[in-house]
C-alpha atoms as a PDB file:
ATOM      1  CA  MET A   1      -9.459   6.767  24.517  1.00  0.00           C
ATOM      2  CA  ASN A   2     -10.803  10.182  25.364  1.00  0.00           C
ATOM      3  CA  ARG A   3     -14.401  11.322  25.000  1.00  0.00           C
ATOM      4  CA  ARG A   4     -13.788  13.111  21.705  1.00  0.00           C
ATOM      5  CA  GLU A   5     -12.189  10.049  20.061  1.00  0.00           C
ATOM      6  CA  PHE A   6     -15.037   7.874  21.314  1.00  0.00           C
ATOM      7  CA  SER A   7     -17.567  10.325  19.917  1.00  0.00           C
ATOM      8  CA  LYS A   8     -15.831  10.335  16.534  1.00  0.00           C
ATOM      9  CA  ILE A   9     -15.805   6.511  16.392  1.00  0.00           C
ATOM     10  CA  GLU A  10     -19.489   6.332  17.336  1.00  0.00           C
ATOM     11  CA  THR A  11     -20.458   9.004  14.789  1.00  0.00           C
ATOM     12  CA  VAL A  12     -18.617   7.221  11.975  1.00  0.00           C
ATOM     13  CA  LYS A  13     -20.231   3.888  12.979  1.00  0.00           C
ATOM     14  CA  HIS A  14     -23.645   5.548  12.986  1.00  0.00           C
ATOM     15  CA  ILE A  15     -23.118   7.051   9.527  1.00  0.00           C
ATOM     16  CA  LYS A  16     -21.949   3.686   8.165  1.00  0.00           C
ATOM     17  CA  SER A  17     -24.877   1.876   9.744  1.00  0.00           C
ATOM     18  CA  ASN A  18     -27.404   4.211   8.156  1.00  0.00           C
ATOM     19  CA  PHE A  19     -25.512   4.115   4.878  1.00  0.00           C
ATOM     20  CA  LEU A  20     -25.808   0.293   4.854  1.00  0.00           C
ATOM     21  CA  LEU A  21     -29.577   0.482   5.344  1.00  0.00           C
ATOM     22  CA  SER A  22     -29.966   2.653   2.263  1.00  0.00           C
ATOM     23  CA  TYR A  23     -27.311   0.822   0.286  1.00  0.00           C
ATOM     24  CA  GLU A  24     -28.922  -2.580   0.803  1.00  0.00           C
ATOM     25  CA  SER A  25     -32.352  -1.254  -0.189  1.00  0.00           C
ATOM     26  CA  TYR A  26     -31.499   1.091  -3.054  1.00  0.00           C
ATOM     27  CA  GLY A  27     -27.880   0.717  -4.115  1.00  0.00           C
ATOM     28  CA  ILE A  28     -25.243   3.423  -4.224  1.00  0.00           C
ATOM     29  CA  ASP A  29     -26.757   5.481  -7.040  1.00  0.00           C
ATOM     30  CA  LYS A  30     -29.912   6.332  -5.110  1.00  0.00           C
ATOM     31  CA  ILE A  31     -28.211   7.306  -1.867  1.00  0.00           C
ATOM     32  CA  ASN A  32     -28.606  11.003  -1.223  1.00  0.00           C
ATOM     33  CA  ILE A  33     -26.228  12.652   1.277  1.00  0.00           C
ATOM     34  CA  ASN A  34     -28.967  14.948   2.621  1.00  0.00           C
ATOM     35  CA  GLU A  35     -31.266  11.987   3.285  1.00  0.00           C
ATOM     36  CA  LEU A  36     -28.416   9.941   4.742  1.00  0.00           C
ATOM     37  CA  CYS A  37     -27.535  12.742   7.153  1.00  0.00           C
ATOM     38  CA  LYS A  38     -31.184  13.090   8.126  1.00  0.00           C
ATOM     39  CA  GLN A  39     -31.429   9.338   8.791  1.00  0.00           C
ATOM     40  CA  ALA A  40     -28.171   9.311  10.752  1.00  0.00           C
ATOM     41  CA  MET A  41     -29.179  12.485  12.585  1.00  0.00           C
ATOM     42  CA  VAL A  42     -25.889  14.201  11.808  1.00  0.00           C
ATOM     43  CA  ALA A  43     -25.208  17.540  10.229  1.00  0.00           C
ATOM     44  CA  LYS A  44     -24.025  17.516   6.632  1.00  0.00           C
ATOM     45  CA  SER A  45     -20.832  19.225   7.797  1.00  0.00           C
ATOM     46  CA  THR A  46     -20.261  16.344  10.227  1.00  0.00           C
ATOM     47  CA  PHE A  47     -20.627  13.826   7.400  1.00  0.00           C
ATOM     48  CA  TYR A  48     -18.072  15.720   5.287  1.00  0.00           C
ATOM     49  CA  GLN A  49     -15.738  15.951   8.250  1.00  0.00           C
ATOM     50  CA  TYR A  50     -15.293  12.151   8.005  1.00  0.00           C
ATOM     51  CA  PHE A  51     -16.096  11.277   4.374  1.00  0.00           C
ATOM     52  CA  ASP A  52     -15.600  12.951   0.996  1.00  0.00           C
ATOM     53  CA  ASP A  53     -18.763  11.439  -0.465  1.00  0.00           C
ATOM     54  CA  LYS A  54     -20.998   8.358  -0.379  1.00  0.00           C
ATOM     55  CA  TYR A  55     -18.427   6.351  -2.319  1.00  0.00           C
ATOM     56  CA  ALA A  56     -15.871   6.985   0.413  1.00  0.00           C
ATOM     57  CA  VAL A  57     -18.251   5.444   2.970  1.00  0.00           C
ATOM     58  CA  LEU A  58     -18.625   2.317   0.840  1.00  0.00           C
ATOM     59  CA  GLU A  59     -14.894   2.184   0.172  1.00  0.00           C
ATOM     60  CA  GLU A  60     -14.080   2.349   3.888  1.00  0.00           C
ATOM     61  CA  ILE A  61     -16.581  -0.409   4.747  1.00  0.00           C
ATOM     62  CA  GLU A  62     -15.225  -2.656   1.977  1.00  0.00           C
ATOM     63  CA  LYS A  63     -11.623  -1.966   2.950  1.00  0.00           C
ATOM     64  CA  GLU A  64     -12.311  -2.917   6.575  1.00  0.00           C
ATOM     65  CA  LEU A  65     -13.997  -6.156   5.490  1.00  0.00           C
ATOM     66  CA  LEU A  66     -11.194  -7.194   3.146  1.00  0.00           C
ATOM     67  CA  GLU A  67      -8.525  -6.323   5.717  1.00  0.00           C
ATOM     68  CA  GLY A  68     -10.383  -8.416   8.276  1.00  0.00           C
ATOM     69  CA  LEU A  69     -10.549 -11.385   5.921  1.00  0.00           C
ATOM     70  CA  ILE A  70      -6.887 -11.033   4.998  1.00  0.00           C
ATOM     71  CA  SER A  71      -5.826 -10.876   8.646  1.00  0.00           C
ATOM     72  CA  ILE A  72      -7.666 -14.146   9.347  1.00  0.00           C
ATOM     73  CA  VAL A  73      -6.103 -15.991   6.441  1.00  0.00           C
ATOM     74  CA  PHE A  74      -2.598 -14.757   7.167  1.00  0.00           C
ATOM     75  CA  GLU A  75      -2.550 -15.487  10.898  1.00  0.00           C
ATOM     76  CA  PRO A  76       0.509 -17.786  11.166  1.00  0.00           C
ATOM     77  CA  GLU A  77      -1.115 -20.193  13.613  1.00  0.00           C
ATOM     78  CA  GLU A  78      -4.130 -20.527  11.341  1.00  0.00           C
ATOM     79  CA  GLU A  79      -2.445 -22.121   8.344  1.00  0.00           C
ATOM     80  CA  LEU A  80      -4.555 -24.530   6.360  1.00  0.00           C
ATOM     81  CA  ASN A  81      -4.163 -28.065   7.611  1.00  0.00           C
ATOM     82  CA  ILE A  82      -5.083 -30.635   4.949  1.00  0.00           C
ATOM     83  CA  ALA A  83      -5.871 -33.173   7.711  1.00  0.00           C
ATOM     84  CA  HIS A  84      -9.127 -31.293   8.415  1.00  0.00           C
ATOM     85  CA  LEU A  85     -10.178 -31.795   4.807  1.00  0.00           C
ATOM     86  CA  LEU A  86      -9.512 -35.490   4.921  1.00  0.00           C
ATOM     87  CA  ASN A  87     -11.286 -36.234   8.213  1.00  0.00           C
ATOM     88  CA  GLY A  88     -14.320 -33.988   7.585  1.00  0.00           C
ATOM     89  CA  THR A  89     -13.810 -31.628  10.509  1.00  0.00           C
ATOM     90  CA  PRO A  90     -13.980 -27.880  10.040  1.00  0.00           C
ATOM     91  CA  ALA A  91     -10.597 -26.230   9.592  1.00  0.00           C
ATOM     92  CA  PRO A  92     -10.009 -23.485  12.175  1.00  0.00           C
ATOM     93  CA  ILE A  93      -9.230 -21.008   9.401  1.00  0.00           C
ATOM     94  CA  ALA A  94     -12.586 -21.747   7.719  1.00  0.00           C
ATOM     95  CA  LEU A  95     -14.447 -21.366  11.007  1.00  0.00           C
ATOM     96  CA  ASN A  96     -12.690 -18.056  11.656  1.00  0.00           C
ATOM     97  CA  VAL A  97     -13.779 -16.748   8.243  1.00  0.00           C
ATOM     98  CA  ILE A  98     -17.382 -17.867   8.870  1.00  0.00           C
ATOM     99  CA  HIS A  99     -17.369 -16.227  12.310  1.00  0.00           C
ATOM    100  CA  PHE A 100     -16.070 -13.019  10.707  1.00  0.00           C
ATOM    101  CA  LEU A 101     -18.922 -13.201   8.165  1.00  0.00           C
ATOM    102  CA  ASP A 102     -21.360 -13.600  11.053  1.00  0.00           C
ATOM    103  CA  GLU A 103     -19.888 -10.633  12.940  1.00  0.00           C
ATOM    104  CA  HIS A 104     -20.279  -8.480   9.831  1.00  0.00           C
ATOM    105  CA  LYS A 105     -23.359 -10.127   8.382  1.00  0.00           C
ATOM    106  CA  ARG A 106     -25.146  -6.862   7.726  1.00  0.00           C
ATOM    107  CA  GLU A 107     -22.232  -5.399   5.758  1.00  0.00           C
ATOM    108  CA  PHE A 108     -21.647  -8.562   3.731  1.00  0.00           C
ATOM    109  CA  ARG A 109     -25.356  -8.972   2.939  1.00  0.00           C
ATOM    110  CA  ALA A 110     -25.522  -5.413   1.658  1.00  0.00           C
ATOM    111  CA  ILE A 111     -22.337  -5.610  -0.411  1.00  0.00           C
ATOM    112  CA  LEU A 112     -23.030  -9.088  -1.813  1.00  0.00           C
ATOM    113  CA  GLY A 113     -26.773  -8.463  -2.283  1.00  0.00           C
ATOM    114  CA  GLN A 114     -28.687  -7.461  -5.393  1.00  0.00           C
ATOM    115  CA  ASN A 115     -27.735  -3.796  -5.025  1.00  0.00           C
ATOM    116  CA  GLY A 116     -24.202  -4.671  -3.965  1.00  0.00           C
ATOM    117  CA  ASP A 117     -20.825  -3.841  -5.388  1.00  0.00           C
ATOM    118  CA  PRO A 118     -19.517  -6.198  -8.095  1.00  0.00           C
ATOM    119  CA  ALA A 119     -16.076  -4.586  -7.711  1.00  0.00           C
ATOM    120  CA  PHE A 120     -15.907  -5.843  -4.109  1.00  0.00           C
ATOM    121  CA  VAL A 121     -16.778  -9.357  -5.251  1.00  0.00           C
ATOM    122  CA  LYS A 122     -14.020  -9.168  -7.876  1.00  0.00           C
ATOM    123  CA  LYS A 123     -11.476  -7.998  -5.265  1.00  0.00           C
ATOM    124  CA  TRP A 124     -12.464 -10.776  -2.891  1.00  0.00           C
ATOM    125  CA  HIS A 125     -12.371 -13.338  -5.718  1.00  0.00           C
ATOM    126  CA  LYS A 126      -8.900 -12.151  -6.730  1.00  0.00           C
ATOM    127  CA  TYR A 127      -7.715 -12.319  -3.129  1.00  0.00           C
ATOM    128  CA  ILE A 128      -8.983 -15.913  -2.712  1.00  0.00           C
ATOM    129  CA  MET A 129      -7.342 -16.863  -6.006  1.00  0.00           C
ATOM    130  CA  ARG A 130      -3.987 -15.428  -4.952  1.00  0.00           C
ATOM    131  CA  SER A 131      -4.242 -17.163  -1.582  1.00  0.00           C
ATOM    132  CA  TYR A 132      -4.842 -20.602  -3.082  1.00  0.00           C
ATOM    133  CA  GLU A 133      -3.217 -20.500  -6.520  1.00  0.00           C
ATOM    134  CA  GLU A 134       0.133 -21.794  -5.296  1.00  0.00           C
ATOM    135  CA  LEU A 135      -1.500 -24.656  -3.422  1.00  0.00           C
ATOM    136  CA  PHE A 136      -3.451 -25.685  -6.542  1.00  0.00           C
ATOM    137  CA  ARG A 137      -0.445 -25.195  -8.812  1.00  0.00           C
ATOM    138  CA  ASP A 138       1.689 -27.444  -6.586  1.00  0.00           C
ATOM    139  CA  LYS A 139      -1.028 -30.083  -6.347  1.00  0.00           C
ATOM    140  CA  LYS A 140      -1.923 -29.978 -10.053  1.00  0.00           C
ATOM    141  CA  LYS A 141       1.717 -29.666 -11.203  1.00  0.00           C
ATOM    142  CA  ALA A 142       0.763 -27.083 -13.817  1.00  0.00           C
ATOM    143  CA  ALA A 143       0.563 -23.286 -13.610  1.00  0.00           C
ATOM    144  CA  LYS A 144      -2.320 -22.969 -16.074  1.00  0.00           C
ATOM    145  CA  GLN A 145      -4.404 -25.598 -14.319  1.00  0.00           C
ATOM    146  CA  GLY A 146      -3.546 -24.111 -10.911  1.00  0.00           C
ATOM    147  CA  LYS A 147      -4.804 -20.688 -11.928  1.00  0.00           C
ATOM    148  CA  LEU A 148      -8.031 -22.031 -13.419  1.00  0.00           C
ATOM    149  CA  THR A 149      -8.641 -24.275 -10.411  1.00  0.00           C
ATOM    150  CA  ALA A 150      -8.037 -21.364  -8.027  1.00  0.00           C
ATOM    151  CA  SER A 151     -10.496 -19.199  -9.970  1.00  0.00           C
ATOM    152  CA  LEU A 152     -13.208 -21.849  -9.946  1.00  0.00           C
ATOM    153  CA  PHE A 153     -12.602 -22.536  -6.262  1.00  0.00           C
ATOM    154  CA  ALA A 154     -12.875 -18.814  -5.446  1.00  0.00           C
ATOM    155  CA  SER A 155     -16.182 -18.585  -7.340  1.00  0.00           C
ATOM    156  CA  SER A 156     -17.559 -21.641  -5.533  1.00  0.00           C
ATOM    157  CA  LEU A 157     -16.463 -20.336  -2.152  1.00  0.00           C
ATOM    158  CA  LEU A 158     -18.036 -16.926  -2.738  1.00  0.00           C
ATOM    159  CA  GLU A 159     -21.327 -18.571  -3.739  1.00  0.00           C
ATOM    160  CA  LEU A 160     -21.216 -20.696  -0.587  1.00  0.00           C
ATOM    161  CA  TYR A 161     -20.730 -17.524   1.489  1.00  0.00           C
ATOM    162  CA  ARG A 162     -23.641 -15.818  -0.296  1.00  0.00           C
ATOM    163  CA  PHE A 163     -25.821 -18.836   0.383  1.00  0.00           C
ATOM    164  CA  TYR A 164     -24.747 -18.904   4.030  1.00  0.00           C
ATOM    165  CA  LEU A 165     -25.469 -15.203   4.483  1.00  0.00           C
ATOM    166  CA  SER A 166     -28.851 -15.324   2.771  1.00  0.00           C
ATOM    167  CA  ASP A 167     -32.013 -15.469   4.814  1.00  0.00           C
ATOM    168  CA  SER A 168     -33.031 -18.734   3.224  1.00  0.00           C
ATOM    169  CA  PRO A 169     -32.006 -22.028   4.772  1.00  0.00           C
ATOM    170  CA  LYS A 170     -30.289 -22.059   8.111  1.00  0.00           C
ATOM    171  CA  MET A 171     -26.792 -23.457   8.078  1.00  0.00           C
ATOM    172  CA  SER A 172     -24.526 -23.510  11.110  1.00  0.00           C
ATOM    173  CA  ALA A 173     -21.034 -22.012  11.025  1.00  0.00           C
ATOM    174  CA  LYS A 174     -19.624 -25.513  11.487  1.00  0.00           C
ATOM    175  CA  GLU A 175     -21.645 -26.901   8.556  1.00  0.00           C
ATOM    176  CA  CYS A 176     -20.554 -24.029   6.334  1.00  0.00           C
ATOM    177  CA  ALA A 177     -16.898 -24.503   7.303  1.00  0.00           C
ATOM    178  CA  ILE A 178     -17.109 -28.235   6.587  1.00  0.00           C
ATOM    179  CA  LEU A 179     -18.735 -27.518   3.228  1.00  0.00           C
ATOM    180  CA  ALA A 180     -15.968 -24.997   2.419  1.00  0.00           C
ATOM    181  CA  GLY A 181     -13.452 -27.745   3.241  1.00  0.00           C
ATOM    182  CA  ASN A 182     -15.302 -30.194   1.021  1.00  0.00           C
ATOM    183  CA  ILE A 183     -15.217 -27.724  -1.860  1.00  0.00           C
ATOM    184  CA  LEU A 184     -11.478 -27.263  -1.357  1.00  0.00           C
ATOM    185  CA  LYS A 185     -10.990 -31.025  -1.129  1.00  0.00           C
ATOM    186  CA  CYS A 186     -12.903 -31.492  -4.385  1.00  0.00           C
ATOM    187  CA  PHE A 187     -10.750 -28.957  -6.218  1.00  0.00           C
ATOM    188  CA  LEU A 188      -7.528 -30.253  -4.683  1.00  0.00           C
ATOM    189  CA  PHE A 189      -8.012 -33.962  -5.239  1.00  0.00           C
ATOM    190  CA  ASP A 190     -10.886 -34.657  -7.657  1.00  0.00           C
ATOM    191  CA  PHE A 191     -11.073 -31.787 -10.139  1.00  0.00           C
ATOM    192  CA  GLU A 192      -8.969 -31.966 -13.302  1.00  0.00           C
ATOM    193  CA  ALA A 193      -9.216 -28.998 -15.640  1.00  0.00           C
ATOM    194  CA  PHE A 194      -7.403 -30.611 -18.525  1.00  0.00           C
ATOM    195  CA  VAL A 195      -7.441 -34.307 -19.299  1.00  0.00           C
END
């Protein structure tokens, strides 16, 4: 990587970092490009060289996060092993997701926080549903029940992640991964949508 490419990467990171500070505190509507550029110590022309507007910054951050999550879940060697659920050990795939949340804690806190983006939560929910719907459908032997179970599981998992990322109680990555497995185990084996 040459000096110019490095400089571009660092400038974009710096803009995103300052964007996240404002976004977490005020939400997207109150972010002003002039103020953002002042905070990031970049010229307005530099900002527009990399982004069309403030929404493009948010979109790029969200896209990177979702792509990162998707790459973890679809790593072939990281397939879900039901044995982890049954013996109470954290599944490697769950630990990898938690570690990714930790690596990008600031971004996830901002996007999932009170000023966050509900559209991102919906995309992530939909992605979790699609990832697990077949598993639930096969286990429940019914398409309708599989879809409902996948939706409820996705909601529970997202709330667990919000809880984990919050500043409140401290929970280790291992504890969170085990809890995620327990939630999955509950929906796979105990939960019945229709009796």
